[in-house]
Amino acid sequence: MASHPRTGIGYDVHPLTEGRPLILGGVRVEHSLGLAGHSDADVLTHAIIDGLLGAAGLNDIGTHFPDTEARWKDANSLELLVAAVELIGSAGYVAWNVDATVVIEQPKLAEHRAEMRANLATALSVPTDRVNVKATRGEKLGFVGRSEGAAAMAVVTVIEKG
């Protein structure tokens, strides 16, 4: 590889609440609770956006898509990810690889992971085999274990355009 890879780490957390859909990786997951937030509150996609921007040295998701701006209200996070890909492209980078983990007590996500990977890969303009999505529970510990919220973390690698 002629390019010099750069790696960023992303993290996001949102509270679980009634009356909102649970969106993860652009997939609507059936559950009695959804994630509260200014946009669709997709913690998985938000963590990936943060990692992507960090890898390219472009600050964070709040810098580019602040929750104080009405235009981001109820925004589809996959569209924000596409916009972040354009931002890193303007800085001379393309996404190369993503490894992400969702931390949520319930529901189990195994049956949704393939669709999440496909959605994220499409938004990132990378092959699906370069996007890995894992899920784990809080084992009844902390805010995740008490089903008060969900978190996600991602490690994202970008390379110089070439």
Protein backbone atom coordinates (compact mmCIF):
# COMPACT_ATOMS: atom_id res chain seq x y z
CA MET A 1 0.00 0.00 0.00
CA ALA A 2 1.56 3.27 -1.14
CA SER A 3 -0.63 5.36 1.15
CA HIS A 4 0.04 6.15 4.78
CA PRO A 5 -2.93 4.85 6.78
CA ARG A 6 -4.38 6.90 9.61
CA THR A 7 -6.63 5.57 12.36
CA GLY A 8 -9.33 7.27 14.41
CA ILE A 9 -11.43 6.16 17.36
CA GLY A 10 -15.10 7.05 17.67
CA TYR A 11 -17.45 6.74 20.62
CA ASP A 12 -21.08 7.71 21.13
CA VAL A 13 -23.79 7.18 23.71
CA HIS A 14 -27.51 7.98 23.78
CA PRO A 15 -30.24 7.32 26.35
CA LEU A 16 -33.00 4.80 25.64
CA THR A 17 -36.52 6.18 25.77
CA GLU A 18 -40.09 5.31 24.84
CA GLY A 19 -41.65 6.72 21.70
CA ARG A 20 -38.53 6.67 19.51
CA PRO A 21 -37.39 4.07 16.99
CA LEU A 22 -34.22 2.10 17.64
CA ILE A 23 -31.95 2.79 14.66
CA LEU A 24 -28.52 1.14 14.53
CA GLY A 25 -26.34 1.16 11.43
CA GLY A 26 -29.30 2.53 9.52
CA VAL A 27 -31.46 -0.47 10.47
CA ARG A 28 -34.72 -0.03 12.34
CA VAL A 29 -34.57 -2.69 15.05
CA GLU A 30 -37.87 -3.71 16.65
CA HIS A 31 -37.74 -2.87 20.35
CA SER A 32 -39.96 -1.19 22.94
CA LEU A 33 -37.36 1.57 23.43
CA GLY A 34 -35.46 3.76 21.01
CA LEU A 35 -32.53 6.11 21.32
CA ALA A 36 -33.12 9.76 22.20
CA GLY A 37 -31.16 12.43 20.40
CA HIS A 38 -31.28 15.42 18.08
CA SER A 39 -30.88 13.29 14.95
CA ASP A 40 -32.04 9.67 14.66
CA ALA A 41 -29.56 8.95 17.51
CA ASP A 42 -27.89 6.05 15.68
CA VAL A 43 -24.99 5.50 18.10
CA LEU A 44 -23.27 3.02 15.81
CA THR A 45 -23.17 5.34 12.82
CA HIS A 46 -22.24 8.30 15.02
CA ALA A 47 -19.25 6.43 16.47
CA ILE A 48 -18.10 5.58 12.94
CA ILE A 49 -18.48 9.21 11.83
CA ASP A 50 -16.38 10.34 14.80
CA GLY A 51 -13.68 7.76 14.03
CA LEU A 52 -13.67 8.71 10.36
CA LEU A 53 -13.34 12.43 11.08
CA GLY A 54 -10.70 11.79 13.74
CA ALA A 55 -8.61 9.67 11.40
CA ALA A 56 -8.58 12.49 8.87
CA GLY A 57 -7.80 15.11 11.54
CA LEU A 58 -11.14 16.87 11.05
CA ASN A 59 -12.30 17.25 14.65
CA ASP A 60 -15.53 15.45 15.57
CA ILE A 61 -19.18 14.90 14.70
CA GLY A 62 -20.34 17.82 16.87
CA THR A 63 -18.10 20.22 14.94
CA HIS A 64 -19.66 19.34 11.59
CA PHE A 65 -23.21 18.32 12.59
CA PRO A 66 -23.97 20.21 15.84
CA ASP A 67 -27.13 19.36 17.76
CA THR A 68 -27.77 23.09 18.07
CA GLU A 69 -28.68 23.35 14.37
CA ALA A 70 -32.27 22.71 13.32
CA ARG A 71 -31.20 21.22 9.96
CA TRP A 72 -29.81 18.16 11.78
CA LYS A 73 -33.06 17.55 13.72
CA ASP A 74 -34.18 13.95 13.08
CA ALA A 75 -31.42 13.59 10.45
CA ASN A 76 -30.73 10.17 8.98
CA SER A 77 -27.29 9.30 10.33
CA LEU A 78 -26.37 7.35 7.19
CA GLU A 79 -26.75 10.63 5.29
CA LEU A 80 -24.45 12.27 7.85
CA LEU A 81 -21.96 9.45 7.26
CA VAL A 82 -22.06 10.10 3.50
CA ALA A 83 -21.42 13.80 4.21
CA ALA A 84 -18.49 12.84 6.49
CA VAL A 85 -17.05 10.69 3.69
CA GLU A 86 -17.23 13.76 1.43
CA LEU A 87 -15.48 15.85 4.10
CA ILE A 88 -12.58 13.42 4.41
CA GLY A 89 -12.45 13.20 0.62
CA SER A 90 -11.97 16.97 0.46
CA ALA A 91 -9.07 16.52 2.90
CA GLY A 92 -7.47 13.90 0.64
CA TYR A 93 -8.59 10.67 2.33
CA VAL A 94 -10.86 7.70 1.69
CA ALA A 95 -12.24 5.21 4.18
CA TRP A 96 -10.42 1.87 4.25
CA ASN A 97 -11.64 -0.21 7.21
CA VAL A 98 -14.10 -0.03 10.12
CA ASP A 99 -14.35 -2.21 13.21
CA ALA A 100 -17.26 -1.20 15.47
CA THR A 101 -19.02 -2.49 18.57
CA VAL A 102 -22.52 -1.65 19.81
CA VAL A 103 -23.07 -2.00 23.56
CA ILE A 104 -26.75 -2.52 24.37
CA GLU A 105 -28.44 -4.83 26.87
CA GLN A 106 -31.45 -5.65 24.69
CA PRO A 107 -32.38 -6.50 21.99
CA LYS A 108 -29.90 -8.98 20.55
CA LEU A 109 -28.52 -7.70 17.26
CA ALA A 110 -27.07 -10.79 15.55
CA GLU A 111 -29.85 -11.04 12.95
CA HIS A 112 -29.38 -7.37 11.96
CA ARG A 113 -25.59 -7.23 11.65
CA ALA A 114 -25.39 -8.15 7.96
CA GLU A 115 -27.83 -5.38 7.01
CA MET A 116 -25.98 -2.89 9.23
CA ARG A 117 -22.66 -3.81 7.60
CA ALA A 118 -24.16 -3.44 4.12
CA ASN A 119 -25.72 -0.03 4.94
CA LEU A 120 -22.51 1.28 6.46
CA ALA A 121 -20.32 -0.06 3.65
CA THR A 122 -22.54 1.62 1.06
CA ALA A 123 -22.39 4.95 2.90
CA LEU A 124 -18.61 4.63 3.29
CA SER A 125 -18.11 3.52 -0.35
CA VAL A 126 -16.12 0.46 0.72
CA PRO A 127 -16.67 -3.28 0.22
CA THR A 128 -18.78 -4.90 2.93
CA ASP A 129 -15.85 -7.06 4.06
CA ARG A 130 -14.09 -3.90 5.27
CA VAL A 131 -16.87 -3.13 7.77
CA ASN A 132 -17.18 -5.25 10.90
CA VAL A 133 -20.04 -4.76 13.37
CA LYS A 134 -20.09 -6.52 16.72
CA ALA A 135 -22.51 -6.30 19.62
CA THR A 136 -22.17 -6.94 23.31
CA ARG A 137 -24.27 -6.43 26.43
CA GLY A 138 -23.60 -4.58 29.66
CA GLU A 139 -24.16 -7.76 31.70
CA LYS A 140 -26.60 -5.80 33.90
CA LEU A 141 -23.82 -3.36 34.91
CA GLY A 142 -23.90 0.42 34.48
CA PHE A 143 -26.30 2.48 32.37
CA VAL A 144 -26.19 -0.08 29.53
CA GLY A 145 -26.86 -3.01 31.86
CA ARG A 146 -29.81 -1.16 33.39
CA SER A 147 -31.18 -0.52 29.84
CA GLU A 148 -30.91 3.24 30.34
CA GLY A 149 -28.90 3.76 27.18
CA ALA A 150 -26.68 2.32 24.49
CA ALA A 151 -23.14 3.07 23.40
CA ALA A 152 -20.96 2.31 20.42
CA MET A 153 -17.28 2.54 19.66
CA ALA A 154 -15.46 2.30 16.36
CA VAL A 155 -11.92 2.13 15.07
CA VAL A 156 -11.70 3.57 11.57
CA THR A 157 -8.76 3.52 9.18
CA VAL A 158 -8.44 5.92 6.27
CA ILE A 159 -5.84 6.12 3.52
CA GLU A 160 -4.70 8.94 1.30
CA LYS A 161 -6.50 9.19 -2.01
CA GLY A 162 -4.38 7.78 -4.68
